[in-house]
């Protein structure tokens, strides 16, 4: 009786929970419980069958976000589980991370940070209709226009949509593309400011971490 390892024991469940919710294991336990519950609800109520790899990734991502966004918890900022993260950029540059969400309508948003990772400004925009690719292109367009309006220079713009980024920087003639207006406008903005660059990054790298 009382055999114990890092995660399980044959003590009363209350004792186990009490031990697991203390120290560095607490955040990991909470994120596991949260996504196990979400997994169960999405399967039962919405018929969405997540694969185990996606669930593990979501758990790790939420764990790392908690470490980044809540430094006052006293957790080791280097105890992250995902290899890809938002990274600092050269001094004298600003980085804008672009993202969007599309269902039937779409909303785009982004955040601008300096080379220390400090928040400078943010934006959001909503429109009806379109599709996922249009939402990604418009998010990039609106983000770059936002930076120009603010007078920002030396911009690094990051998006996790490879298809949208490729359409913009591949150098091909897209004048007959369905979304040529957006593609060509973004190209003009990039060419108009030689110190503005557009890059594709992984989704985890597109999420702004806390620095300070």
N, C-alpha and C. Protein backbone atom coordinates (compact mmCIF):
# COMPACT_ATOMS: atom_id res chain seq x y z
N UNK A 1 0.85 -1.19 0.00
CA UNK A 1 0.00 0.00 0.00
C UNK A 1 0.88 1.23 0.00
N UNK A 2 0.53 2.21 -0.82
CA UNK A 2 1.28 3.44 -0.81
C UNK A 2 2.40 3.47 -1.83
N UNK A 3 2.45 2.50 -2.78
CA UNK A 3 3.47 2.57 -3.82
C UNK A 3 3.20 3.79 -4.69
N UNK A 4 4.27 4.51 -5.07
CA UNK A 4 4.09 5.82 -5.70
C UNK A 4 5.11 6.04 -6.79
N UNK A 5 4.70 6.61 -7.91
CA UNK A 5 5.65 7.06 -8.91
C UNK A 5 5.33 8.50 -9.27
N UNK A 6 5.90 9.01 -10.36
CA UNK A 6 5.76 10.42 -10.67
C UNK A 6 4.32 10.85 -10.94
N UNK A 7 3.49 9.94 -11.43
CA UNK A 7 2.16 10.35 -11.85
C UNK A 7 1.01 9.61 -11.16
N UNK A 8 1.24 8.41 -10.69
CA UNK A 8 0.14 7.64 -10.13
C UNK A 8 0.54 6.98 -8.81
N UNK A 9 -0.44 6.72 -8.00
CA UNK A 9 -0.21 5.97 -6.77
C UNK A 9 -1.50 5.28 -6.38
N UNK A 10 -1.43 4.40 -5.39
CA UNK A 10 -2.64 3.75 -4.93
C UNK A 10 -3.16 4.40 -3.66
N UNK A 11 -2.73 5.67 -3.40
CA UNK A 11 -3.35 6.43 -2.33
C UNK A 11 -4.75 6.87 -2.75
N UNK A 12 -5.46 7.45 -1.83
CA UNK A 12 -6.76 8.04 -2.15
C UNK A 12 -6.59 9.10 -3.25
N UNK A 13 -7.57 9.19 -4.16
CA UNK A 13 -7.46 10.11 -5.28
C UNK A 13 -7.29 11.56 -4.82
N UNK A 14 -7.85 11.92 -3.66
CA UNK A 14 -7.70 13.28 -3.16
C UNK A 14 -6.24 13.59 -2.83
N UNK A 15 -5.58 12.59 -2.27
CA UNK A 15 -4.16 12.77 -1.94
C UNK A 15 -3.35 12.93 -3.23
N UNK A 16 -3.66 12.10 -4.21
CA UNK A 16 -2.96 12.16 -5.48
C UNK A 16 -3.14 13.52 -6.14
N UNK A 17 -4.40 14.00 -6.19
CA UNK A 17 -4.67 15.29 -6.80
C UNK A 17 -3.97 16.42 -6.05
N UNK A 18 -3.95 16.32 -4.73
CA UNK A 18 -3.29 17.34 -3.92
C UNK A 18 -1.81 17.42 -4.26
N UNK A 19 -1.18 16.28 -4.42
CA UNK A 19 0.25 16.27 -4.74
C UNK A 19 0.52 16.75 -6.16
N UNK A 20 -0.37 16.36 -7.08
CA UNK A 20 -0.15 16.71 -8.48
C UNK A 20 -0.43 18.17 -8.78
N UNK A 21 -1.19 18.84 -7.95
CA UNK A 21 -1.50 20.25 -8.18
C UNK A 21 -0.55 21.17 -7.46
N UNK A 22 0.57 20.65 -7.03
CA UNK A 22 1.60 21.47 -6.41
C UNK A 22 2.85 21.46 -7.28
N UNK A 23 3.57 22.56 -7.27
CA UNK A 23 4.85 22.62 -7.95
C UNK A 23 4.73 22.64 -9.47
N UNK A 24 5.81 22.21 -10.13
CA UNK A 24 5.90 22.32 -11.58
C UNK A 24 4.96 21.38 -12.33
N UNK A 25 4.45 20.33 -11.65
CA UNK A 25 3.57 19.38 -12.33
C UNK A 25 2.14 19.90 -12.47
N UNK A 26 1.81 20.99 -11.76
CA UNK A 26 0.43 21.46 -11.72
C UNK A 26 -0.08 21.88 -13.10
N UNK A 27 0.72 22.70 -13.81
CA UNK A 27 0.28 23.18 -15.12
C UNK A 27 0.10 22.04 -16.10
N UNK A 28 1.02 21.09 -16.05
CA UNK A 28 0.92 19.95 -16.96
C UNK A 28 -0.34 19.13 -16.67
N UNK A 29 -0.66 18.95 -15.40
CA UNK A 29 -1.86 18.20 -15.04
C UNK A 29 -3.11 18.93 -15.52
N UNK A 30 -3.16 20.24 -15.29
CA UNK A 30 -4.33 21.03 -15.67
C UNK A 30 -4.54 20.98 -17.18
N UNK A 31 -3.47 21.13 -17.95
CA UNK A 31 -3.62 21.10 -19.40
C UNK A 31 -4.06 19.73 -19.90
N UNK A 32 -3.59 18.67 -19.25
CA UNK A 32 -4.02 17.31 -19.63
C UNK A 32 -5.51 17.11 -19.35
N UNK A 33 -5.92 17.51 -18.16
CA UNK A 33 -7.33 17.36 -17.79
C UNK A 33 -8.22 18.17 -18.73
N UNK A 34 -7.79 19.41 -19.03
CA UNK A 34 -8.59 20.29 -19.88
C UNK A 34 -8.80 19.68 -21.27
N UNK A 35 -7.73 19.23 -21.91
CA UNK A 35 -7.88 18.72 -23.27
C UNK A 35 -8.47 17.31 -23.31
N UNK A 36 -8.34 16.56 -22.23
CA UNK A 36 -9.05 15.28 -22.16
C UNK A 36 -10.55 15.52 -22.13
N UNK A 37 -10.94 16.54 -21.37
CA UNK A 37 -12.37 16.91 -21.28
C UNK A 37 -12.86 17.44 -22.63
N UNK A 38 -12.07 18.31 -23.29
CA UNK A 38 -12.45 18.83 -24.60
C UNK A 38 -12.55 17.72 -25.64
N UNK A 39 -11.60 16.79 -25.57
CA UNK A 39 -11.58 15.65 -26.49
C UNK A 39 -12.86 14.84 -26.35
N UNK A 40 -13.22 14.56 -25.11
CA UNK A 40 -14.43 13.78 -24.83
C UNK A 40 -15.68 14.51 -25.33
N UNK A 41 -15.80 15.82 -25.04
CA UNK A 41 -16.97 16.58 -25.44
C UNK A 41 -17.10 16.72 -26.95
N UNK A 42 -15.97 16.97 -27.62
CA UNK A 42 -16.01 17.10 -29.07
C UNK A 42 -16.40 15.80 -29.74
N UNK A 43 -15.99 14.70 -29.17
CA UNK A 43 -16.34 13.39 -29.73
C UNK A 43 -17.82 13.08 -29.53
N UNK A 44 -18.31 13.31 -28.32
CA UNK A 44 -19.69 12.95 -27.98
C UNK A 44 -20.71 13.89 -28.60
N UNK A 45 -20.46 15.20 -28.46
CA UNK A 45 -21.48 16.19 -28.84
C UNK A 45 -21.35 16.70 -30.27
N UNK A 46 -20.14 16.67 -30.84
CA UNK A 46 -19.94 17.25 -32.17
C UNK A 46 -19.42 16.25 -33.20
N UNK A 47 -19.15 15.02 -32.77
CA UNK A 47 -18.67 14.02 -33.70
C UNK A 47 -17.30 14.30 -34.27
N UNK A 48 -16.51 15.13 -33.57
CA UNK A 48 -15.16 15.46 -34.02
C UNK A 48 -14.18 14.49 -33.36
N UNK A 49 -13.52 13.69 -34.17
CA UNK A 49 -12.62 12.67 -33.65
C UNK A 49 -11.17 13.13 -33.79
N UNK A 50 -10.62 13.69 -32.72
CA UNK A 50 -9.23 14.12 -32.73
C UNK A 50 -8.32 12.90 -32.65
N UNK A 51 -7.21 12.94 -33.37
CA UNK A 51 -6.23 11.88 -33.22
C UNK A 51 -5.37 12.17 -31.99
N UNK A 52 -4.77 11.14 -31.43
CA UNK A 52 -4.01 11.28 -30.20
C UNK A 52 -2.84 12.25 -30.37
N UNK A 53 -2.23 12.27 -31.58
CA UNK A 53 -1.11 13.18 -31.81
C UNK A 53 -1.54 14.64 -31.69
N UNK A 54 -2.75 14.96 -32.19
CA UNK A 54 -3.25 16.33 -32.08
C UNK A 54 -3.51 16.70 -30.63
N UNK A 55 -4.05 15.77 -29.87
CA UNK A 55 -4.34 16.05 -28.46
C UNK A 55 -3.05 16.31 -27.69
N UNK A 56 -2.05 15.49 -27.93
CA UNK A 56 -0.76 15.68 -27.25
C UNK A 56 -0.16 17.03 -27.61
N UNK A 57 -0.23 17.38 -28.89
CA UNK A 57 0.30 18.67 -29.35
C UNK A 57 -0.44 19.82 -28.67
N UNK A 58 -1.77 19.73 -28.57
CA UNK A 58 -2.55 20.78 -27.93
C UNK A 58 -2.17 20.92 -26.45
N UNK A 59 -1.95 19.79 -25.80
CA UNK A 59 -1.56 19.81 -24.39
C UNK A 59 -0.21 20.51 -24.22
N UNK A 60 0.75 20.13 -25.04
CA UNK A 60 2.08 20.74 -24.96
C UNK A 60 2.02 22.23 -25.26
N UNK A 61 1.22 22.60 -26.26
CA UNK A 61 1.13 24.00 -26.65
C UNK A 61 0.53 24.84 -25.54
N UNK A 62 -0.56 24.36 -24.94
CA UNK A 62 -1.19 25.10 -23.85
C UNK A 62 -0.26 25.19 -22.64
N UNK A 63 0.45 24.12 -22.36
CA UNK A 63 1.43 24.12 -21.26
C UNK A 63 2.48 25.20 -21.48
N UNK A 64 3.01 25.26 -22.70
CA UNK A 64 4.06 26.23 -23.00
C UNK A 64 3.52 27.66 -22.96
N UNK A 65 2.27 27.85 -23.39
CA UNK A 65 1.66 29.18 -23.34
C UNK A 65 1.52 29.64 -21.89
N UNK A 66 1.11 28.75 -21.01
CA UNK A 66 0.95 29.10 -19.60
C UNK A 66 2.29 29.53 -19.00
N UNK A 67 3.35 28.83 -19.35
CA UNK A 67 4.68 29.18 -18.86
C UNK A 67 5.08 30.57 -19.36
N UNK A 68 4.75 30.85 -20.62
CA UNK A 68 5.15 32.11 -21.24
C UNK A 68 4.34 33.29 -20.73
N UNK A 69 3.03 33.11 -20.61
CA UNK A 69 2.15 34.23 -20.31
C UNK A 69 2.04 34.52 -18.82
N UNK A 70 2.40 33.56 -17.98
CA UNK A 70 2.25 33.76 -16.53
C UNK A 70 3.58 33.52 -15.81
N UNK A 71 4.55 34.40 -16.02
CA UNK A 71 5.87 34.21 -15.40
C UNK A 71 5.83 34.27 -13.89
N UNK A 72 4.80 34.89 -13.33
CA UNK A 72 4.70 35.00 -11.87
C UNK A 72 4.42 33.67 -11.19
N UNK A 73 4.12 32.65 -11.98
CA UNK A 73 3.90 31.33 -11.40
C UNK A 73 5.21 30.70 -10.92
N UNK A 74 6.33 31.29 -11.34
CA UNK A 74 7.62 30.79 -10.88
C UNK A 74 8.08 29.53 -11.60
N UNK A 75 7.50 29.25 -12.77
CA UNK A 75 7.89 28.06 -13.52
C UNK A 75 9.10 28.36 -14.39
N UNK A 76 9.88 27.35 -14.65
CA UNK A 76 11.07 27.50 -15.47
C UNK A 76 10.68 27.81 -16.91
N UNK A 77 11.04 28.98 -17.45
CA UNK A 77 10.64 29.34 -18.82
C UNK A 77 11.26 28.44 -19.87
N UNK A 78 12.27 27.63 -19.49
CA UNK A 78 12.92 26.74 -20.44
C UNK A 78 12.36 25.32 -20.37
N UNK A 79 11.33 25.11 -19.55
CA UNK A 79 10.76 23.76 -19.41
C UNK A 79 9.64 23.51 -20.41
N UNK A 80 9.78 24.08 -21.60
CA UNK A 80 8.76 23.92 -22.63
C UNK A 80 8.90 22.55 -23.29
N UNK A 81 7.84 22.14 -23.98
CA UNK A 81 7.80 20.81 -24.59
C UNK A 81 7.85 20.85 -26.11
N UNK A 82 7.52 21.98 -26.70
CA UNK A 82 7.55 22.09 -28.15
C UNK A 82 8.87 22.73 -28.59
N UNK A 83 9.43 22.24 -29.68
CA UNK A 83 10.72 22.74 -30.13
C UNK A 83 10.60 24.08 -30.86
N UNK A 84 9.47 24.31 -31.52
CA UNK A 84 9.28 25.53 -32.29
C UNK A 84 8.58 26.58 -31.46
N UNK A 85 9.17 27.77 -31.37
CA UNK A 85 8.59 28.85 -30.59
C UNK A 85 8.80 30.17 -31.31
N UNK A 86 7.99 31.15 -30.90
CA UNK A 86 8.22 32.52 -31.35
C UNK A 86 9.61 32.94 -30.89
N UNK A 87 10.38 33.53 -31.80
CA UNK A 87 11.75 33.88 -31.44
C UNK A 87 11.97 35.39 -31.57
N UNK A 88 12.91 35.88 -30.79
CA UNK A 88 13.29 37.28 -30.87
C UNK A 88 13.94 37.57 -32.21
N UNK A 89 13.90 38.83 -32.62
CA UNK A 89 14.43 39.22 -33.91
C UNK A 89 15.49 40.32 -33.71
N UNK A 90 16.21 40.70 -34.77
CA UNK A 90 17.32 41.64 -34.60
C UNK A 90 16.90 42.99 -34.03
N UNK A 91 17.80 43.60 -33.30
CA UNK A 91 17.55 44.92 -32.74
C UNK A 91 17.29 45.92 -33.87
N UNK A 92 16.33 46.81 -33.63
CA UNK A 92 15.98 47.81 -34.64
C UNK A 92 14.89 47.38 -35.58
N UNK A 93 14.39 46.15 -35.42
CA UNK A 93 13.30 45.67 -36.26
C UNK A 93 12.03 45.48 -35.41
N UNK A 94 10.91 45.45 -36.10
CA UNK A 94 9.63 45.13 -35.48
C UNK A 94 9.09 43.87 -36.15
N UNK A 95 8.45 43.03 -35.37
CA UNK A 95 7.86 41.82 -35.93
C UNK A 95 6.34 41.87 -35.75
N UNK A 96 5.63 41.57 -36.84
CA UNK A 96 4.18 41.47 -36.76
C UNK A 96 3.79 40.03 -37.09
N UNK A 97 3.06 39.41 -36.19
CA UNK A 97 2.57 38.06 -36.39
C UNK A 97 1.10 38.12 -36.78
N UNK A 98 0.79 37.49 -37.91
CA UNK A 98 -0.54 37.55 -38.51
C UNK A 98 -1.25 36.22 -38.34
N UNK A 99 -2.54 36.28 -38.03
CA UNK A 99 -3.33 35.06 -37.98
C UNK A 99 -4.78 35.40 -38.27
N UNK A 100 -5.57 34.37 -38.55
CA UNK A 100 -6.98 34.59 -38.84
C UNK A 100 -7.77 33.35 -38.47
N UNK A 101 -9.08 33.50 -38.48
CA UNK A 101 -10.00 32.39 -38.23
C UNK A 101 -11.13 32.49 -39.23
N UNK A 102 -11.42 31.36 -39.91
CA UNK A 102 -12.47 31.37 -40.92
C UNK A 102 -13.45 30.23 -40.69
N UNK A 103 -14.74 30.56 -40.75
CA UNK A 103 -15.79 29.55 -40.77
C UNK A 103 -16.68 29.90 -41.95
N UNK A 104 -17.72 30.67 -41.72
CA UNK A 104 -18.48 31.26 -42.83
C UNK A 104 -18.04 32.71 -43.03
N UNK A 105 -17.71 33.35 -41.95
CA UNK A 105 -17.12 34.67 -41.97
C UNK A 105 -15.69 34.54 -41.46
N UNK A 106 -14.94 35.62 -41.47
CA UNK A 106 -13.57 35.51 -40.99
C UNK A 106 -13.17 36.74 -40.19
N UNK A 107 -12.24 36.51 -39.31
CA UNK A 107 -11.65 37.59 -38.52
C UNK A 107 -10.14 37.43 -38.56
N UNK A 108 -9.47 38.55 -38.76
CA UNK A 108 -8.02 38.55 -38.82
C UNK A 108 -7.48 39.44 -37.71
N UNK A 109 -6.29 39.12 -37.27
CA UNK A 109 -5.67 39.93 -36.23
C UNK A 109 -4.17 39.76 -36.23
N UNK A 110 -3.52 40.62 -35.48
CA UNK A 110 -2.07 40.52 -35.41
C UNK A 110 -1.52 41.39 -34.29
N UNK A 111 -0.29 41.12 -33.95
CA UNK A 111 0.38 41.89 -32.91
C UNK A 111 1.77 42.29 -33.35
N UNK A 112 2.17 43.50 -33.01
CA UNK A 112 3.50 44.02 -33.35
C UNK A 112 4.33 44.07 -32.07
N UNK A 113 5.53 43.53 -32.14
CA UNK A 113 6.45 43.54 -31.00
C UNK A 113 7.84 44.00 -31.44
N UNK A 114 8.56 44.59 -30.48
CA UNK A 114 9.91 45.03 -30.79
C UNK A 114 10.91 43.89 -30.59
N UNK A 115 12.20 44.19 -30.73
CA UNK A 115 13.21 43.13 -30.69
C UNK A 115 13.37 42.51 -29.31
N UNK A 116 12.82 43.16 -28.28
CA UNK A 116 12.83 42.58 -26.93
C UNK A 116 11.59 41.74 -26.66
N UNK A 117 10.66 41.71 -27.62
CA UNK A 117 9.42 40.97 -27.43
C UNK A 117 8.33 41.78 -26.76
N UNK A 118 8.56 43.09 -26.56
CA UNK A 118 7.57 43.94 -25.91
C UNK A 118 6.46 44.30 -26.90
N UNK A 119 5.24 44.32 -26.38
CA UNK A 119 4.07 44.64 -27.19
C UNK A 119 4.11 46.10 -27.62
N UNK A 120 3.91 46.36 -28.93
CA UNK A 120 3.86 47.72 -29.46
C UNK A 120 2.43 48.11 -29.83
N UNK A 121 1.78 47.27 -30.62
CA UNK A 121 0.42 47.56 -31.08
C UNK A 121 -0.22 46.30 -31.62
N UNK A 122 -1.53 46.35 -31.80
CA UNK A 122 -2.26 45.21 -32.35
C UNK A 122 -3.44 45.68 -33.17
N UNK A 123 -4.00 44.78 -33.94
CA UNK A 123 -5.15 45.11 -34.78
C UNK A 123 -6.05 43.88 -34.92
N UNK A 124 -7.29 44.12 -35.29
CA UNK A 124 -8.22 43.04 -35.63
C UNK A 124 -9.19 43.56 -36.68
N UNK A 125 -9.74 42.64 -37.46
CA UNK A 125 -10.62 43.03 -38.55
C UNK A 125 -11.58 41.88 -38.85
N UNK A 126 -12.85 42.22 -39.11
CA UNK A 126 -13.87 41.21 -39.39
C UNK A 126 -14.50 41.48 -40.75
N UNK A 127 -14.75 40.42 -41.52
CA UNK A 127 -15.50 40.52 -42.77
C UNK A 127 -16.34 39.27 -42.96
N UNK A 128 -17.41 39.41 -43.73
CA UNK A 128 -18.28 38.28 -44.03
C UNK A 128 -17.89 37.65 -45.36
N UNK A 129 -18.11 36.33 -45.47
CA UNK A 129 -17.90 35.63 -46.73
C UNK A 129 -16.44 35.29 -46.99
N UNK A 130 -16.17 34.88 -48.24
CA UNK A 130 -14.80 34.52 -48.61
C UNK A 130 -14.50 33.07 -48.32
N UNK A 131 -13.20 32.78 -48.23
CA UNK A 131 -12.76 31.43 -47.90
C UNK A 131 -11.48 31.53 -47.09
N UNK A 132 -10.91 30.38 -46.77
CA UNK A 132 -9.75 30.37 -45.87
C UNK A 132 -8.54 31.08 -46.48
N UNK A 133 -8.31 30.88 -47.79
CA UNK A 133 -7.16 31.53 -48.43
C UNK A 133 -7.33 33.04 -48.46
N UNK A 134 -8.53 33.50 -48.80
CA UNK A 134 -8.78 34.95 -48.79
C UNK A 134 -8.54 35.53 -47.40
N UNK A 135 -9.00 34.82 -46.39
CA UNK A 135 -8.81 35.29 -45.02
C UNK A 135 -7.33 35.44 -44.70
N UNK A 136 -6.50 34.48 -45.13
CA UNK A 136 -5.06 34.55 -44.87
C UNK A 136 -4.43 35.72 -45.61
N UNK A 137 -4.79 35.88 -46.88
CA UNK A 137 -4.24 36.99 -47.66
C UNK A 137 -4.67 38.34 -47.11
N UNK A 138 -5.93 38.46 -46.75
CA UNK A 138 -6.41 39.73 -46.20
C UNK A 138 -5.75 40.03 -44.86
N UNK A 139 -5.51 39.00 -44.07
CA UNK A 139 -4.85 39.21 -42.78
C UNK A 139 -3.47 39.82 -42.99
N UNK A 140 -2.71 39.27 -43.96
CA UNK A 140 -1.38 39.80 -44.26
C UNK A 140 -1.49 41.23 -44.79
N UNK A 141 -2.43 41.44 -45.71
CA UNK A 141 -2.60 42.77 -46.29
C UNK A 141 -2.96 43.82 -45.24
N UNK A 142 -3.92 43.49 -44.42
CA UNK A 142 -4.36 44.44 -43.39
C UNK A 142 -3.24 44.70 -42.39
N UNK A 143 -2.49 43.65 -42.04
CA UNK A 143 -1.39 43.83 -41.09
C UNK A 143 -0.30 44.74 -41.62
N UNK A 144 0.08 44.55 -42.89
CA UNK A 144 1.11 45.40 -43.49
C UNK A 144 0.61 46.84 -43.66
N UNK A 145 -0.66 46.99 -44.06
CA UNK A 145 -1.23 48.34 -44.17
C UNK A 145 -1.28 49.02 -42.81
N UNK A 146 -1.57 48.26 -41.79
CA UNK A 146 -1.60 48.79 -40.43
C UNK A 146 -0.22 49.34 -40.04
N UNK A 147 0.83 48.59 -40.35
CA UNK A 147 2.19 49.02 -40.03
C UNK A 147 2.56 50.28 -40.81
N UNK A 148 2.17 50.32 -42.08
CA UNK A 148 2.46 51.51 -42.89
C UNK A 148 1.74 52.73 -42.34
N UNK A 149 0.49 52.55 -41.95
CA UNK A 149 -0.29 53.65 -41.40
C UNK A 149 0.34 54.20 -40.13
N UNK A 150 0.94 53.31 -39.35
CA UNK A 150 1.59 53.71 -38.11
C UNK A 150 2.99 54.29 -38.35
N UNK A 151 3.48 54.16 -39.57
CA UNK A 151 4.80 54.65 -39.88
C UNK A 151 5.93 53.73 -39.43
N UNK A 152 5.60 52.47 -39.20
CA UNK A 152 6.63 51.52 -38.77
C UNK A 152 7.52 51.14 -39.95
N UNK A 153 8.80 50.95 -39.67
CA UNK A 153 9.76 50.51 -40.68
C UNK A 153 10.52 49.31 -40.15
N UNK A 154 11.31 48.69 -41.03
CA UNK A 154 12.08 47.50 -40.66
C UNK A 154 11.17 46.42 -40.08
N UNK A 155 10.19 46.02 -40.87
CA UNK A 155 9.15 45.10 -40.43
C UNK A 155 9.46 43.67 -40.88
N UNK A 156 9.31 42.74 -39.96
CA UNK A 156 9.32 41.32 -40.29
C UNK A 156 7.90 40.81 -40.08
N UNK A 157 7.24 40.42 -41.16
CA UNK A 157 5.86 39.94 -41.09
C UNK A 157 5.87 38.42 -41.18
N UNK A 158 5.25 37.76 -40.20
CA UNK A 158 5.24 36.30 -40.16
C UNK A 158 3.81 35.77 -40.24
N UNK A 159 3.63 34.75 -41.07
CA UNK A 159 2.34 34.08 -41.23
C UNK A 159 2.58 32.58 -41.24
N UNK A 160 1.63 31.82 -40.69
CA UNK A 160 1.78 30.36 -40.70
C UNK A 160 1.05 29.70 -41.87
N UNK A 161 0.60 30.51 -42.84
CA UNK A 161 -0.07 29.97 -44.03
C UNK A 161 0.93 29.93 -45.18
N UNK A 162 1.48 28.75 -45.46
CA UNK A 162 2.50 28.62 -46.50
C UNK A 162 1.94 28.95 -47.87
N UNK A 163 0.71 28.56 -48.16
CA UNK A 163 0.12 28.81 -49.47
C UNK A 163 0.02 30.30 -49.75
N UNK A 164 -0.44 31.07 -48.77
CA UNK A 164 -0.58 32.51 -48.95
C UNK A 164 0.78 33.17 -49.14
N UNK A 165 1.76 32.80 -48.32
CA UNK A 165 3.09 33.39 -48.41
C UNK A 165 3.71 33.06 -49.76
N UNK A 166 3.57 31.82 -50.22
CA UNK A 166 4.15 31.42 -51.51
C UNK A 166 3.54 32.21 -52.67
N UNK A 167 2.23 32.43 -52.62
CA UNK A 167 1.59 33.20 -53.68
C UNK A 167 2.16 34.61 -53.78
N UNK A 168 2.55 35.15 -52.64
CA UNK A 168 3.04 36.53 -52.61
C UNK A 168 4.49 36.64 -53.04
N UNK A 169 5.31 35.71 -52.61
CA UNK A 169 6.76 35.87 -52.82
C UNK A 169 7.33 34.97 -53.90
N UNK A 170 6.50 34.19 -54.60
CA UNK A 170 7.06 33.25 -55.58
C UNK A 170 7.52 33.92 -56.88
N UNK A 171 7.17 35.21 -57.06
CA UNK A 171 7.63 35.94 -58.23
C UNK A 171 6.87 35.65 -59.51
N UNK A 172 5.86 34.82 -59.45
CA UNK A 172 5.10 34.46 -60.65
C UNK A 172 4.01 35.50 -60.93
N UNK A 173 3.51 35.48 -62.15
CA UNK A 173 2.46 36.40 -62.56
C UNK A 173 1.11 35.85 -62.10
N UNK A 174 0.50 36.56 -61.15
CA UNK A 174 -0.79 36.12 -60.63
C UNK A 174 -1.91 37.13 -60.94
N UNK A 175 -1.75 37.84 -62.04
CA UNK A 175 -2.74 38.86 -62.38
C UNK A 175 -4.11 38.26 -62.69
N UNK A 176 -4.16 36.98 -63.04
CA UNK A 176 -5.44 36.32 -63.32
C UNK A 176 -5.93 35.48 -62.14
N UNK A 177 -5.22 35.54 -61.05
CA UNK A 177 -5.64 34.79 -59.86
C UNK A 177 -6.91 35.39 -59.29
N UNK A 178 -7.74 34.55 -58.69
CA UNK A 178 -9.00 35.02 -58.09
C UNK A 178 -8.76 36.15 -57.11
N UNK A 179 -7.65 36.07 -56.37
CA UNK A 179 -7.36 37.09 -55.37
C UNK A 179 -6.16 37.94 -55.77
N UNK A 180 -6.08 38.23 -57.07
CA UNK A 180 -4.95 39.01 -57.60
C UNK A 180 -4.85 40.38 -56.93
N UNK A 181 -5.97 41.01 -56.65
CA UNK A 181 -5.94 42.35 -56.05
C UNK A 181 -5.18 42.35 -54.73
N UNK A 182 -5.46 41.36 -53.90
CA UNK A 182 -4.79 41.28 -52.61
C UNK A 182 -3.31 40.91 -52.77
N UNK A 183 -3.04 39.94 -53.64
CA UNK A 183 -1.66 39.48 -53.84
C UNK A 183 -0.79 40.63 -54.34
N UNK A 184 -1.28 41.35 -55.36
CA UNK A 184 -0.50 42.43 -55.96
C UNK A 184 -0.35 43.61 -55.01
N UNK A 185 -1.38 43.87 -54.23
CA UNK A 185 -1.29 44.96 -53.25
C UNK A 185 -0.21 44.65 -52.22
N UNK A 186 -0.18 43.43 -51.73
CA UNK A 186 0.84 43.05 -50.73
C UNK A 186 2.23 43.16 -51.34
N UNK A 187 2.37 42.71 -52.58
CA UNK A 187 3.67 42.82 -53.24
C UNK A 187 4.11 44.28 -53.35
N UNK A 188 3.19 45.16 -53.68
CA UNK A 188 3.51 46.58 -53.79
C UNK A 188 3.98 47.13 -52.45
N UNK A 189 3.32 46.72 -51.38
CA UNK A 189 3.71 47.19 -50.05
C UNK A 189 5.12 46.69 -49.71
N UNK A 190 5.39 45.43 -50.01
CA UNK A 190 6.71 44.87 -49.72
C UNK A 190 7.79 45.57 -50.54
N UNK A 191 7.50 45.83 -51.82
CA UNK A 191 8.49 46.48 -52.68
C UNK A 191 8.65 47.95 -52.33
N UNK A 192 7.57 48.55 -51.82
CA UNK A 192 7.63 49.97 -51.47
C UNK A 192 8.47 50.25 -50.24
N UNK A 193 8.65 49.24 -49.43
CA UNK A 193 9.49 49.38 -48.23
C UNK A 193 10.48 48.22 -48.26
N UNK A 194 11.69 48.53 -48.73
CA UNK A 194 12.69 47.48 -48.90
C UNK A 194 13.09 46.79 -47.62
N UNK A 195 12.74 47.38 -46.50
CA UNK A 195 13.10 46.79 -45.22
C UNK A 195 11.97 45.96 -44.62
N UNK A 196 10.93 45.73 -45.42
CA UNK A 196 9.82 44.89 -44.96
C UNK A 196 9.93 43.52 -45.61
N UNK A 197 9.87 42.47 -44.79
CA UNK A 197 9.97 41.11 -45.32
C UNK A 197 8.78 40.29 -44.85
N UNK A 198 8.41 39.31 -45.67
CA UNK A 198 7.32 38.39 -45.34
C UNK A 198 7.90 36.99 -45.25
N UNK A 199 7.59 36.30 -44.17
CA UNK A 199 8.15 34.96 -43.94
C UNK A 199 7.05 33.99 -43.53
N UNK A 200 7.24 32.73 -43.94
CA UNK A 200 6.38 31.66 -43.42
C UNK A 200 7.05 31.06 -42.20
N UNK A 201 6.24 30.81 -41.15
CA UNK A 201 6.74 30.16 -39.94
C UNK A 201 5.74 29.08 -39.53
N UNK A 202 6.18 28.19 -38.67
CA UNK A 202 5.28 27.18 -38.12
C UNK A 202 4.25 27.84 -37.22
N UNK A 203 3.15 27.15 -37.00
CA UNK A 203 2.08 27.74 -36.20
C UNK A 203 2.55 28.12 -34.81
N UNK A 204 3.38 27.25 -34.20
CA UNK A 204 3.87 27.54 -32.85
C UNK A 204 4.77 28.77 -32.84
N UNK A 205 5.52 28.97 -33.92
CA UNK A 205 6.39 30.13 -34.01
C UNK A 205 5.61 31.41 -34.25
N UNK A 206 4.38 31.29 -34.70
CA UNK A 206 3.56 32.46 -34.98
C UNK A 206 2.83 32.96 -33.75
N UNK A 207 2.96 32.26 -32.63
CA UNK A 207 2.29 32.65 -31.41
C UNK A 207 3.25 33.46 -30.56
N UNK A 208 2.86 34.68 -30.22
CA UNK A 208 3.75 35.56 -29.47
C UNK A 208 3.91 35.10 -28.04
N UNK A 209 5.13 34.84 -27.66
CA UNK A 209 5.44 34.45 -26.28
C UNK A 209 5.74 35.68 -25.45
N UNK A 210 5.69 35.50 -24.17
CA UNK A 210 5.98 36.60 -23.26
C UNK A 210 7.48 36.72 -23.06
N UNK A 211 7.98 37.93 -23.21
CA UNK A 211 9.38 38.21 -22.91
C UNK A 211 9.43 39.43 -22.03
N UNK A 212 10.35 39.44 -21.10
CA UNK A 212 10.47 40.61 -20.25
C UNK A 212 11.17 40.26 -18.97
